[in-house]
Amino acid sequence: MTTLSDAIVEDTYAEGFRSIYAEVLITARDRTWLDHACNAATGHASSSIFCECEAGIDRYVGPGGDESFPTPDGRPGAIVQFHVPRFKKDREKLLEKVLLHRLSQNVLTCPTASCFNLIDSDPYFKLGRKIALFGDGHQFRDHRYGRKVWVLPIMGGEFIIDRRFGFSDGVMGGNLWFFAESLDASLAAAELGVAALAKVPGTIAPFPGGIAASGSKAGSAYSFLFASTNHPFCPTLREKLGAQSQVPEGVNSIMEIIINGRDLATVSAGTQAIIAATRNSPGLKKISAGNYGGRLGKSFIYLRPELHS
């Protein structure tokens, strides 16, 4: 039997770190094909541990979504973020590679999809021109929807993509942990949190369904791994670890939400929206977060900001 109570919100912080990110608008004929394009473009992009980027849907816009944000072609659209940590070597080249590979192989190939840039910056990537080379000499520049685009004749009709794609500084690594009395309770709380975050523009939750069941820590018992499961917080290891376990009695499952976004204020707003939506979730004991004492990043996202103003 689950208990209904106001979960403890620990006075701690998530340790975010800086990124560079691109913000891309994908449109399609309908929500079905829009989702196919977005799901393919954001695949294998949960964690920067072994993924070349972290990516996810910010929000749906245009018809069927946030209609205060109209799409250039008047069709259903989704804003997608692609983040690369700033500490990565040649980060700008890596982000351009991420976009080139994902947009060409997963959006160009998706029936009815088009692709537009949402960040005007200098420098920028001439991504449209590069992807247009798939047109094999039949591609052409044009003005569509008041924008400068490349048009590629394809077997399904035409693929339209903006000529330039910009990028900006962002924040990665915001997080919240949900300590609960059961797997069902921790997952239900995290699902409420993901739904709340979806209402905060400028944020993404890059893990599957927005939730990470296998939170990680820096370092490993194996020299060839630089990250591994966060074993002190694994409930099934509580008895084995004894005093080293950090899982409280009565907690049998911990789920995590990772939050990336356009800046620290936006990630902080997303954090508070999640806490407000989840703290009364049945069976939830505590809401906390993971950090490394400032060794990973200097973007601190406090769970109880009123104590740190």
C-alpha atoms as a PDB file:
ATOM      1  CA  MET A   1       0.000   0.000   0.000  1.00  0.00           C
ATOM      2  CA  THR A   2       1.461   3.348  -1.038  1.00  0.00           C
ATOM      3  CA  THR A   3       1.470   6.303   1.282  1.00  0.00           C
ATOM      4  CA  LEU A   4       0.381   9.817   0.324  1.00  0.00           C
ATOM      5  CA  SER A   5       2.517  12.527   1.886  1.00  0.00           C
ATOM      6  CA  ASP A   6       4.478  15.651   1.120  1.00  0.00           C
ATOM      7  CA  ALA A   7       7.902  14.337   0.061  1.00  0.00           C
ATOM      8  CA  ILE A   8      10.994  15.867   1.584  1.00  0.00           C
ATOM      9  CA  VAL A   9      12.769  18.219  -0.822  1.00  0.00           C
ATOM     10  CA  GLU A  10      16.414  18.039   0.125  1.00  0.00           C
ATOM     11  CA  ASP A  11      18.432  21.221   0.425  1.00  0.00           C
ATOM     12  CA  THR A  12      20.956  20.390  -2.280  1.00  0.00           C
ATOM     13  CA  TYR A  13      21.732  21.261  -5.881  1.00  0.00           C
ATOM     14  CA  ALA A  14      22.171  19.715  -9.277  1.00  0.00           C
ATOM     15  CA  GLU A  15      25.521  20.480 -10.834  1.00  0.00           C
ATOM     16  CA  GLY A  16      24.920  21.675 -14.372  1.00  0.00           C
ATOM     17  CA  PHE A  17      27.670  22.302 -16.870  1.00  0.00           C
ATOM     18  CA  ARG A  18      27.953  24.430 -19.979  1.00  0.00           C
ATOM     19  CA  SER A  19      27.121  23.228 -23.461  1.00  0.00           C
ATOM     20  CA  ILE A  20      26.759  24.531 -26.958  1.00  0.00           C
ATOM     21  CA  TYR A  21      23.473  23.645 -28.538  1.00  0.00           C
ATOM     22  CA  ALA A  22      21.434  24.009 -31.692  1.00  0.00           C
ATOM     23  CA  GLU A  23      17.691  24.510 -31.803  1.00  0.00           C
ATOM     24  CA  VAL A  24      15.998  23.039 -34.841  1.00  0.00           C
ATOM     25  CA  LEU A  25      12.377  23.204 -35.958  1.00  0.00           C
ATOM     26  CA  ILE A  26      11.150  20.081 -37.726  1.00  0.00           C
ATOM     27  CA  THR A  27       7.784  20.161 -39.494  1.00  0.00           C
ATOM     28  CA  ALA A  28       5.769  17.493 -41.258  1.00  0.00           C
ATOM     29  CA  ARG A  29       2.364  16.849 -42.810  1.00  0.00           C
ATOM     30  CA  ASP A  30       0.913  15.474 -39.561  1.00  0.00           C
ATOM     31  CA  ARG A  31       1.862  14.484 -36.023  1.00  0.00           C
ATOM     32  CA  THR A  32       2.544  10.885 -37.002  1.00  0.00           C
ATOM     33  CA  TRP A  33       5.317  11.750 -39.448  1.00  0.00           C
ATOM     34  CA  LEU A  34       6.552  14.578 -37.255  1.00  0.00           C
ATOM     35  CA  ASP A  35       7.065  12.112 -34.412  1.00  0.00           C
ATOM     36  CA  HIS A  36       8.839   9.666 -36.722  1.00  0.00           C
ATOM     37  CA  ALA A  37      11.288  12.386 -37.783  1.00  0.00           C
ATOM     38  CA  CYS A  38      11.899  13.635 -34.244  1.00  0.00           C
ATOM     39  CA  ASN A  39      12.281  10.176 -32.731  1.00  0.00           C
ATOM     40  CA  ALA A  40      14.802   9.187 -35.381  1.00  0.00           C
ATOM     41  CA  ALA A  41      16.772  12.448 -35.145  1.00  0.00           C
ATOM     42  CA  THR A  42      17.027  12.232 -31.344  1.00  0.00           C
ATOM     43  CA  GLY A  43      17.837   8.514 -31.174  1.00  0.00           C
ATOM     44  CA  HIS A  44      20.902   7.347 -29.201  1.00  0.00           C
ATOM     45  CA  ALA A  45      21.240  10.818 -27.648  1.00  0.00           C
ATOM     46  CA  SER A  46      20.504  10.250 -23.952  1.00  0.00           C
ATOM     47  CA  SER A  47      23.885  10.651 -22.293  1.00  0.00           C
ATOM     48  CA  SER A  48      27.150  12.332 -23.261  1.00  0.00           C
ATOM     49  CA  ILE A  49      28.954   9.372 -21.631  1.00  0.00           C
ATOM     50  CA  PHE A  50      28.722   7.280 -24.809  1.00  0.00           C
ATOM     51  CA  CYS A  51      26.468   9.366 -27.101  1.00  0.00           C
ATOM     52  CA  GLU A  52      27.897  12.071 -29.350  1.00  0.00           C
ATOM     53  CA  CYS A  53      25.221  14.494 -28.145  1.00  0.00           C
ATOM     54  CA  GLU A  54      22.175  14.811 -25.901  1.00  0.00           C
ATOM     55  CA  ALA A  55      18.981  15.635 -27.752  1.00  0.00           C
ATOM     56  CA  GLY A  56      15.258  15.812 -27.222  1.00  0.00           C
ATOM     57  CA  ILE A  57      11.996  17.544 -28.039  1.00  0.00           C
ATOM     58  CA  ASP A  58      11.510  20.890 -26.339  1.00  0.00           C
ATOM     59  CA  ARG A  59       7.855  21.290 -27.339  1.00  0.00           C
ATOM     60  CA  TYR A  60       5.342  20.890 -30.138  1.00  0.00           C
ATOM     61  CA  VAL A  61       4.362  24.067 -31.982  1.00  0.00           C
ATOM     62  CA  GLY A  62       1.999  25.157 -34.734  1.00  0.00           C
ATOM     63  CA  PRO A  63      -1.228  23.236 -35.394  1.00  0.00           C
ATOM     64  CA  GLY A  64      -1.851  20.725 -32.621  1.00  0.00           C
ATOM     65  CA  GLY A  65       0.853  22.253 -30.413  1.00  0.00           C
ATOM     66  CA  ASP A  66       1.700  25.706 -29.088  1.00  0.00           C
ATOM     67  CA  GLU A  67      -0.153  27.735 -31.695  1.00  0.00           C
ATOM     68  CA  SER A  68       1.360  30.966 -30.380  1.00  0.00           C
ATOM     69  CA  PHE A  69       4.512  29.747 -32.120  1.00  0.00           C
ATOM     70  CA  PRO A  70       3.518  29.407 -35.784  1.00  0.00           C
ATOM     71  CA  THR A  71       5.652  27.292 -38.090  1.00  0.00           C
ATOM     72  CA  PRO A  72       6.979  28.778 -41.368  1.00  0.00           C
ATOM     73  CA  ASP A  73       4.963  26.360 -43.515  1.00  0.00           C
ATOM     74  CA  GLY A  74       1.847  26.309 -41.315  1.00  0.00           C
ATOM     75  CA  ARG A  75       2.232  22.595 -40.529  1.00  0.00           C
ATOM     76  CA  PRO A  76       2.659  20.731 -37.223  1.00  0.00           C
ATOM     77  CA  GLY A  77       6.141  21.251 -35.846  1.00  0.00           C
ATOM     78  CA  ALA A  78       8.474  20.347 -33.004  1.00  0.00           C
ATOM     79  CA  ILE A  79      11.412  22.262 -31.551  1.00  0.00           C
ATOM     80  CA  VAL A  80      14.363  19.936 -30.997  1.00  0.00           C
ATOM     81  CA  GLN A  81      17.548  20.722 -29.049  1.00  0.00           C
ATOM     82  CA  PHE A  82      20.953  19.124 -29.669  1.00  0.00           C
ATOM     83  CA  HIS A  83      23.559  19.649 -26.906  1.00  0.00           C
ATOM     84  CA  VAL A  84      27.317  19.013 -26.869  1.00  0.00           C
ATOM     85  CA  PRO A  85      29.352  19.688 -23.669  1.00  0.00           C
ATOM     86  CA  ARG A  86      31.666  22.673 -23.909  1.00  0.00           C
ATOM     87  CA  PHE A  87      34.472  20.607 -22.410  1.00  0.00           C
ATOM     88  CA  LYS A  88      34.509  18.384 -25.518  1.00  0.00           C
ATOM     89  CA  LYS A  89      37.482  18.895 -27.814  1.00  0.00           C
ATOM     90  CA  ASP A  90      36.537  20.620 -31.102  1.00  0.00           C
ATOM     91  CA  ARG A  91      32.994  21.045 -29.773  1.00  0.00           C
ATOM     92  CA  GLU A  92      31.802  23.209 -32.655  1.00  0.00           C
ATOM     93  CA  LYS A  93      32.960  20.671 -35.223  1.00  0.00           C
ATOM     94  CA  LEU A  94      31.295  17.940 -33.190  1.00  0.00           C
ATOM     95  CA  LEU A  95      27.978  19.800 -33.044  1.00  0.00           C
ATOM     96  CA  GLU A  96      28.059  20.410 -36.796  1.00  0.00           C
ATOM     97  CA  LYS A  97      28.777  16.713 -37.354  1.00  0.00           C
ATOM     98  CA  VAL A  98      25.862  15.787 -35.061  1.00  0.00           C
ATOM     99  CA  LEU A  99      23.487  17.995 -37.032  1.00  0.00           C
ATOM    100  CA  LEU A 100      24.807  16.922 -40.427  1.00  0.00           C
ATOM    101  CA  HIS A 101      24.424  13.232 -39.648  1.00  0.00           C
ATOM    102  CA  ARG A 102      21.104  13.376 -37.817  1.00  0.00           C
ATOM    103  CA  LEU A 103      19.268  15.818 -40.072  1.00  0.00           C
ATOM    104  CA  SER A 104      20.474  14.228 -43.309  1.00  0.00           C
ATOM    105  CA  GLN A 105      19.891  10.627 -42.311  1.00  0.00           C
ATOM    106  CA  ASN A 106      16.764  10.998 -40.180  1.00  0.00           C
ATOM    107  CA  VAL A 107      14.880  14.118 -41.279  1.00  0.00           C
ATOM    108  CA  LEU A 108      15.719  14.257 -44.996  1.00  0.00           C
ATOM    109  CA  THR A 109      14.664  10.607 -45.249  1.00  0.00           C
ATOM    110  CA  CYS A 110      11.385  11.036 -43.352  1.00  0.00           C
ATOM    111  CA  PRO A 111       8.292  11.439 -45.567  1.00  0.00           C
ATOM    112  CA  THR A 112       6.895  15.016 -45.695  1.00  0.00           C
ATOM    113  CA  ALA A 113       9.488  16.466 -43.261  1.00  0.00           C
ATOM    114  CA  SER A 114      11.175  19.872 -43.540  1.00  0.00           C
ATOM    115  CA  CYS A 115      13.810  21.485 -41.331  1.00  0.00           C
ATOM    116  CA  PHE A 116      14.342  25.076 -40.141  1.00  0.00           C
ATOM    117  CA  ASN A 117      16.869  26.914 -37.974  1.00  0.00           C
ATOM    118  CA  LEU A 118      15.804  28.724 -34.775  1.00  0.00           C
ATOM    119  CA  ILE A 119      19.078  30.306 -33.589  1.00  0.00           C
ATOM    120  CA  ASP A 120      20.516  33.226 -35.535  1.00  0.00           C
ATOM    121  CA  SER A 121      24.192  33.434 -34.654  1.00  0.00           C
ATOM    122  CA  ASP A 122      27.539  34.310 -36.121  1.00  0.00           C
ATOM    123  CA  PRO A 123      29.393  32.018 -36.616  1.00  0.00           C
ATOM    124  CA  TYR A 124      26.944  29.500 -38.008  1.00  0.00           C
ATOM    125  CA  PHE A 125      26.961  26.214 -39.882  1.00  0.00           C
ATOM    126  CA  LYS A 126      26.285  26.158 -43.641  1.00  0.00           C
ATOM    127  CA  LEU A 127      24.349  23.003 -43.000  1.00  0.00           C
ATOM    128  CA  GLY A 128      21.705  23.428 -45.670  1.00  0.00           C
ATOM    129  CA  ARG A 129      24.315  23.594 -48.426  1.00  0.00           C
ATOM    130  CA  LYS A 130      26.065  20.460 -47.180  1.00  0.00           C
ATOM    131  CA  ILE A 131      22.897  18.410 -46.833  1.00  0.00           C
ATOM    132  CA  ALA A 132      21.722  19.715 -50.206  1.00  0.00           C
ATOM    133  CA  LEU A 133      24.635  17.886 -51.851  1.00  0.00           C
ATOM    134  CA  PHE A 134      22.525  14.756 -51.527  1.00  0.00           C
ATOM    135  CA  GLY A 135      20.612  16.326 -54.428  1.00  0.00           C
ATOM    136  CA  ASP A 136      23.532  15.294 -56.665  1.00  0.00           C
ATOM    137  CA  GLY A 137      23.585  18.555 -58.578  1.00  0.00           C
ATOM    138  CA  HIS A 138      19.813  18.930 -58.905  1.00  0.00           C
ATOM    139  CA  GLN A 139      19.431  20.875 -55.647  1.00  0.00           C
ATOM    140  CA  PHE A 140      18.730  24.586 -55.826  1.00  0.00           C
ATOM    141  CA  ARG A 141      18.465  27.659 -53.629  1.00  0.00           C
ATOM    142  CA  ASP A 142      15.081  29.293 -53.271  1.00  0.00           C
ATOM    143  CA  HIS A 143      12.930  31.567 -51.106  1.00  0.00           C
ATOM    144  CA  ARG A 144      10.120  29.721 -49.364  1.00  0.00           C
ATOM    145  CA  TYR A 145       7.923  30.962 -46.520  1.00  0.00           C
ATOM    146  CA  GLY A 146       9.958  34.190 -46.405  1.00  0.00           C
ATOM    147  CA  ARG A 147      13.183  32.231 -45.754  1.00  0.00           C
ATOM    148  CA  LYS A 148      16.338  31.438 -47.690  1.00  0.00           C
ATOM    149  CA  VAL A 149      16.333  27.674 -48.187  1.00  0.00           C
ATOM    150  CA  TRP A 150      17.802  24.825 -50.131  1.00  0.00           C
ATOM    151  CA  VAL A 151      15.386  22.573 -52.005  1.00  0.00           C
ATOM    152  CA  LEU A 152      16.270  18.957 -52.779  1.00  0.00           C
ATOM    153  CA  PRO A 153      14.236  16.992 -55.302  1.00  0.00           C
ATOM    154  CA  ILE A 154      13.606  13.615 -53.663  1.00  0.00           C
ATOM    155  CA  MET A 155      11.631  10.544 -54.671  1.00  0.00           C
ATOM    156  CA  GLY A 156       8.802  11.598 -52.335  1.00  0.00           C
ATOM    157  CA  GLY A 157       8.659  15.176 -53.704  1.00  0.00           C
ATOM    158  CA  GLU A 158      10.882  17.904 -52.214  1.00  0.00           C
ATOM    159  CA  PHE A 159      12.899  18.354 -49.046  1.00  0.00           C
ATOM    160  CA  ILE A 160      13.215  21.931 -47.771  1.00  0.00           C
ATOM    161  CA  ILE A 161      15.915  23.012 -45.338  1.00  0.00           C
ATOM    162  CA  ASP A 162      17.208  26.391 -44.169  1.00  0.00           C
ATOM    163  CA  ARG A 163      20.603  27.424 -45.510  1.00  0.00           C
ATOM    164  CA  ARG A 164      22.183  28.336 -42.171  1.00  0.00           C
ATOM    165  CA  PHE A 165      21.974  26.827 -38.688  1.00  0.00           C
ATOM    166  CA  GLY A 166      23.232  28.700 -35.650  1.00  0.00           C
ATOM    167  CA  PHE A 167      24.197  27.620 -32.153  1.00  0.00           C
ATOM    168  CA  SER A 168      24.431  29.119 -28.702  1.00  0.00           C
ATOM    169  CA  ASP A 169      25.600  28.458 -25.146  1.00  0.00           C
ATOM    170  CA  GLY A 170      23.340  26.210 -23.101  1.00  0.00           C
ATOM    171  CA  VAL A 171      23.284  24.189 -19.883  1.00  0.00           C
ATOM    172  CA  MET A 172      23.377  20.418 -19.423  1.00  0.00           C
ATOM    173  CA  GLY A 173      23.197  18.174 -16.374  1.00  0.00           C
ATOM    174  CA  GLY A 174      20.316  19.551 -14.350  1.00  0.00           C
ATOM    175  CA  ASN A 175      18.783  16.605 -12.523  1.00  0.00           C
ATOM    176  CA  LEU A 176      16.297  15.423  -9.928  1.00  0.00           C
ATOM    177  CA  TRP A 177      16.159  12.110  -8.070  1.00  0.00           C
ATOM    178  CA  PHE A 178      12.919  10.539  -6.865  1.00  0.00           C
ATOM    179  CA  PHE A 179      13.298   8.272  -3.812  1.00  0.00           C
ATOM    180  CA  ALA A 180      10.187   6.103  -3.480  1.00  0.00           C
ATOM    181  CA  GLU A 181       8.875   3.045  -1.683  1.00  0.00           C
ATOM    182  CA  SER A 182       8.449   1.059  -4.910  1.00  0.00           C
ATOM    183  CA  LEU A 183       9.412   1.000  -8.572  1.00  0.00           C
ATOM    184  CA  ASP A 184       5.866   1.918  -9.540  1.00  0.00           C
ATOM    185  CA  ALA A 185       5.872   4.901  -7.161  1.00  0.00           C
ATOM    186  CA  SER A 186       9.219   6.275  -8.341  1.00  0.00           C
ATOM    187  CA  LEU A 187       8.275   5.865 -11.986  1.00  0.00           C
ATOM    188  CA  ALA A 188       4.864   7.491 -11.480  1.00  0.00           C
ATOM    189  CA  ALA A 189       6.491  10.497  -9.811  1.00  0.00           C
ATOM    190  CA  ALA A 190       9.070  10.828 -12.581  1.00  0.00           C
ATOM    191  CA  GLU A 191       6.356  10.608 -15.233  1.00  0.00           C
ATOM    192  CA  LEU A 192       4.538  13.499 -13.547  1.00  0.00           C
ATOM    193  CA  GLY A 193       7.812  15.415 -13.600  1.00  0.00           C
ATOM    194  CA  VAL A 194       8.415  14.846 -17.293  1.00  0.00           C
ATOM    195  CA  ALA A 195       4.883  16.054 -18.067  1.00  0.00           C
ATOM    196  CA  ALA A 196       5.498  19.215 -16.023  1.00  0.00           C
ATOM    197  CA  LEU A 197       8.839  19.874 -17.727  1.00  0.00           C
ATOM    198  CA  ALA A 198       7.187  19.622 -21.144  1.00  0.00           C
ATOM    199  CA  LYS A 199       5.307  22.833 -20.255  1.00  0.00           C
ATOM    200  CA  VAL A 200       8.527  24.792 -19.651  1.00  0.00           C
ATOM    201  CA  PRO A 201       9.783  26.174 -22.997  1.00  0.00           C
ATOM    202  CA  GLY A 202      13.493  25.863 -23.630  1.00  0.00           C
ATOM    203  CA  THR A 203      14.076  22.578 -21.795  1.00  0.00           C
ATOM    204  CA  ILE A 204      14.516  18.944 -22.766  1.00  0.00           C
ATOM    205  CA  ALA A 205      14.719  15.637 -20.882  1.00  0.00           C
ATOM    206  CA  PRO A 206      16.986  13.555 -23.150  1.00  0.00           C
ATOM    207  CA  PHE A 207      16.648  10.053 -21.647  1.00  0.00           C
ATOM    208  CA  PRO A 208      14.099   7.447 -22.831  1.00  0.00           C
ATOM    209  CA  GLY A 209      10.670   8.813 -21.937  1.00  0.00           C
ATOM    210  CA  GLY A 210      12.557  11.618 -20.166  1.00  0.00           C
ATOM    211  CA  ILE A 211      13.599   9.288 -17.329  1.00  0.00           C
ATOM    212  CA  ALA A 212      16.894   7.635 -16.352  1.00  0.00           C
ATOM    213  CA  ALA A 213      16.636   4.437 -14.308  1.00  0.00           C
ATOM    214  CA  SER A 214      20.416   3.942 -14.171  1.00  0.00           C
ATOM    215  CA  GLY A 215      21.885   7.100 -12.730  1.00  0.00           C
ATOM    216  CA  SER A 216      25.653   7.285 -13.136  1.00  0.00           C
ATOM    217  CA  LYS A 217      28.662   8.457 -11.184  1.00  0.00           C
ATOM    218  CA  ALA A 218      32.098   9.586 -12.331  1.00  0.00           C
ATOM    219  CA  GLY A 219      34.723   6.854 -12.372  1.00  0.00           C
ATOM    220  CA  SER A 220      34.579   3.079 -12.270  1.00  0.00           C
ATOM    221  CA  ALA A 221      36.221  -0.004 -10.794  1.00  0.00           C
ATOM    222  CA  TYR A 222      37.360  -0.690 -14.367  1.00  0.00           C
ATOM    223  CA  SER A 223      40.131   1.522 -15.726  1.00  0.00           C
ATOM    224  CA  PHE A 224      38.666   1.643 -19.228  1.00  0.00           C
ATOM    225  CA  LEU A 225      35.358   3.163 -18.022  1.00  0.00           C
ATOM    226  CA  PHE A 226      35.150   6.802 -16.935  1.00  0.00           C
ATOM    227  CA  ALA A 227      31.581   6.454 -15.605  1.00  0.00           C
ATOM    228  CA  SER A 228      29.511   3.694 -14.055  1.00  0.00           C
ATOM    229  CA  THR A 229      26.293   2.957 -12.174  1.00  0.00           C
ATOM    230  CA  ASN A 230      25.889   5.052  -9.033  1.00  0.00           C
ATOM    231  CA  HIS A 231      26.115   2.022  -6.768  1.00  0.00           C
ATOM    232  CA  PRO A 232      25.655   3.769  -3.362  1.00  0.00           C
ATOM    233  CA  PHE A 233      22.138   4.670  -4.545  1.00  0.00           C
ATOM    234  CA  CYS A 234      21.165   1.200  -5.806  1.00  0.00           C
ATOM    235  CA  PRO A 235      18.457  -0.143  -3.447  1.00  0.00           C
ATOM    236  CA  THR A 236      19.307  -3.803  -4.061  1.00  0.00           C
ATOM    237  CA  LEU A 237      22.872  -3.157  -2.824  1.00  0.00           C
ATOM    238  CA  ARG A 238      21.779  -1.655   0.504  1.00  0.00           C
ATOM    239  CA  GLU A 239      22.569  -4.749   2.596  1.00  0.00           C
ATOM    240  CA  LYS A 240      25.737  -5.588   0.663  1.00  0.00           C
ATOM    241  CA  LEU A 241      27.170  -2.072   1.026  1.00  0.00           C
ATOM    242  CA  GLY A 242      26.106  -1.565   4.628  1.00  0.00           C
ATOM    243  CA  ALA A 243      27.205   1.858   5.889  1.00  0.00           C
ATOM    244  CA  GLN A 244      28.347   2.847   2.379  1.00  0.00           C
ATOM    245  CA  SER A 245      24.782   2.677   1.067  1.00  0.00           C
ATOM    246  CA  GLN A 246      23.015   6.005   0.717  1.00  0.00           C
ATOM    247  CA  VAL A 247      19.566   4.504   0.183  1.00  0.00           C
ATOM    248  CA  PRO A 248      17.255   5.284   3.132  1.00  0.00           C
ATOM    249  CA  GLU A 249      15.181   2.562   4.742  1.00  0.00           C
ATOM    250  CA  GLY A 250      11.815   2.198   3.054  1.00  0.00           C
ATOM    251  CA  VAL A 251      13.173   3.322  -0.339  1.00  0.00           C
ATOM    252  CA  ASN A 252      13.183   0.587  -2.956  1.00  0.00           C
ATOM    253  CA  SER A 253      13.508   2.532  -6.212  1.00  0.00           C
ATOM    254  CA  ILE A 254      15.107   5.788  -7.367  1.00  0.00           C
ATOM    255  CA  MET A 255      14.366   7.374 -10.742  1.00  0.00           C
ATOM    256  CA  GLU A 256      16.102  10.399 -12.229  1.00  0.00           C
ATOM    257  CA  ILE A 257      15.188  13.179 -14.646  1.00  0.00           C
ATOM    258  CA  ILE A 258      18.044  14.918 -16.490  1.00  0.00           C
ATOM    259  CA  ILE A 259      17.298  18.484 -17.591  1.00  0.00           C
ATOM    260  CA  ASN A 260      19.111  20.350 -20.372  1.00  0.00           C
ATOM    261  CA  GLY A 261      18.126  23.790 -21.566  1.00  0.00           C
ATOM    262  CA  ARG A 262      18.939  27.102 -23.126  1.00  0.00           C
ATOM    263  CA  ASP A 263      20.334  28.691 -19.935  1.00  0.00           C
ATOM    264  CA  LEU A 264      20.607  28.330 -16.150  1.00  0.00           C
ATOM    265  CA  ALA A 265      17.412  30.274 -15.437  1.00  0.00           C
ATOM    266  CA  THR A 266      15.399  28.064 -17.788  1.00  0.00           C
ATOM    267  CA  VAL A 267      16.781  24.819 -16.312  1.00  0.00           C
ATOM    268  CA  SER A 268      16.085  26.173 -12.815  1.00  0.00           C
ATOM    269  CA  ALA A 269      12.502  26.990 -13.801  1.00  0.00           C
ATOM    270  CA  GLY A 270      12.087  23.472 -15.147  1.00  0.00           C
ATOM    271  CA  THR A 271      13.464  22.049 -11.902  1.00  0.00           C
ATOM    272  CA  GLN A 272      10.935  23.954  -9.808  1.00  0.00           C
ATOM    273  CA  ALA A 273       8.072  22.983 -12.119  1.00  0.00           C
ATOM    274  CA  ILE A 274       8.967  19.314 -11.662  1.00  0.00           C
ATOM    275  CA  ILE A 275       9.210  19.609  -7.883  1.00  0.00           C
ATOM    276  CA  ALA A 276       5.832  21.331  -7.656  1.00  0.00           C
ATOM    277  CA  ALA A 277       4.212  18.624  -9.783  1.00  0.00           C
ATOM    278  CA  THR A 278       5.714  15.628  -7.984  1.00  0.00           C
ATOM    279  CA  ARG A 279       6.162  16.286  -4.273  1.00  0.00           C
ATOM    280  CA  ASN A 280       2.711  14.905  -3.386  1.00  0.00           C
ATOM    281  CA  SER A 281       3.049  11.813  -5.552  1.00  0.00           C
ATOM    282  CA  PRO A 282       1.929   8.649  -3.693  1.00  0.00           C
ATOM    283  CA  GLY A 283       4.780   6.608  -2.258  1.00  0.00           C
ATOM    284  CA  LEU A 284       7.400   9.300  -2.908  1.00  0.00           C
ATOM    285  CA  LYS A 285       9.690   9.758   0.098  1.00  0.00           C
ATOM    286  CA  LYS A 286      12.268  12.313  -0.997  1.00  0.00           C
ATOM    287  CA  ILE A 287      13.340  14.498  -3.917  1.00  0.00           C
ATOM    288  CA  SER A 288      17.069  15.084  -4.230  1.00  0.00           C
ATOM    289  CA  ALA A 289      19.742  15.626  -6.892  1.00  0.00           C
ATOM    290  CA  GLY A 290      23.240  14.522  -7.793  1.00  0.00           C
ATOM    291  CA  ASN A 291      26.364  16.657  -7.814  1.00  0.00           C
ATOM    292  CA  TYR A 292      30.128  16.316  -7.680  1.00  0.00           C
ATOM    293  CA  GLY A 293      30.965  19.161  -5.319  1.00  0.00           C
ATOM    294  CA  GLY A 294      31.550  21.580  -8.187  1.00  0.00           C
ATOM    295  CA  ARG A 295      34.084  19.403 -10.006  1.00  0.00           C
ATOM    296  CA  LEU A 296      31.905  18.876 -13.085  1.00  0.00           C
ATOM    297  CA  GLY A 297      30.313  22.281 -13.580  1.00  0.00           C
ATOM    298  CA  LYS A 298      29.639  25.622 -11.944  1.00  0.00           C
ATOM    299  CA  SER A 299      25.973  25.974 -12.912  1.00  0.00           C
ATOM    300  CA  PHE A 300      24.304  25.138  -9.596  1.00  0.00           C
ATOM    301  CA  ILE A 301      20.567  24.470  -9.753  1.00  0.00           C
ATOM    302  CA  TYR A 302      19.252  24.619  -6.200  1.00  0.00           C
ATOM    303  CA  LEU A 303      16.249  22.523  -5.262  1.00  0.00           C
ATOM    304  CA  ARG A 304      15.328  25.015  -2.530  1.00  0.00           C
ATOM    305  CA  PRO A 305      16.439  28.349  -3.983  1.00  0.00           C
ATOM    306  CA  GLU A 306      14.677  30.289  -1.242  1.00  0.00           C
ATOM    307  CA  LEU A 307      17.441  29.123   1.133  1.00  0.00           C
ATOM    308  CA  HIS A 308      20.205  30.426  -1.153  1.00  0.00           C
ATOM    309  CA  SER A 309      18.978  33.838  -2.257  1.00  0.00           C
END
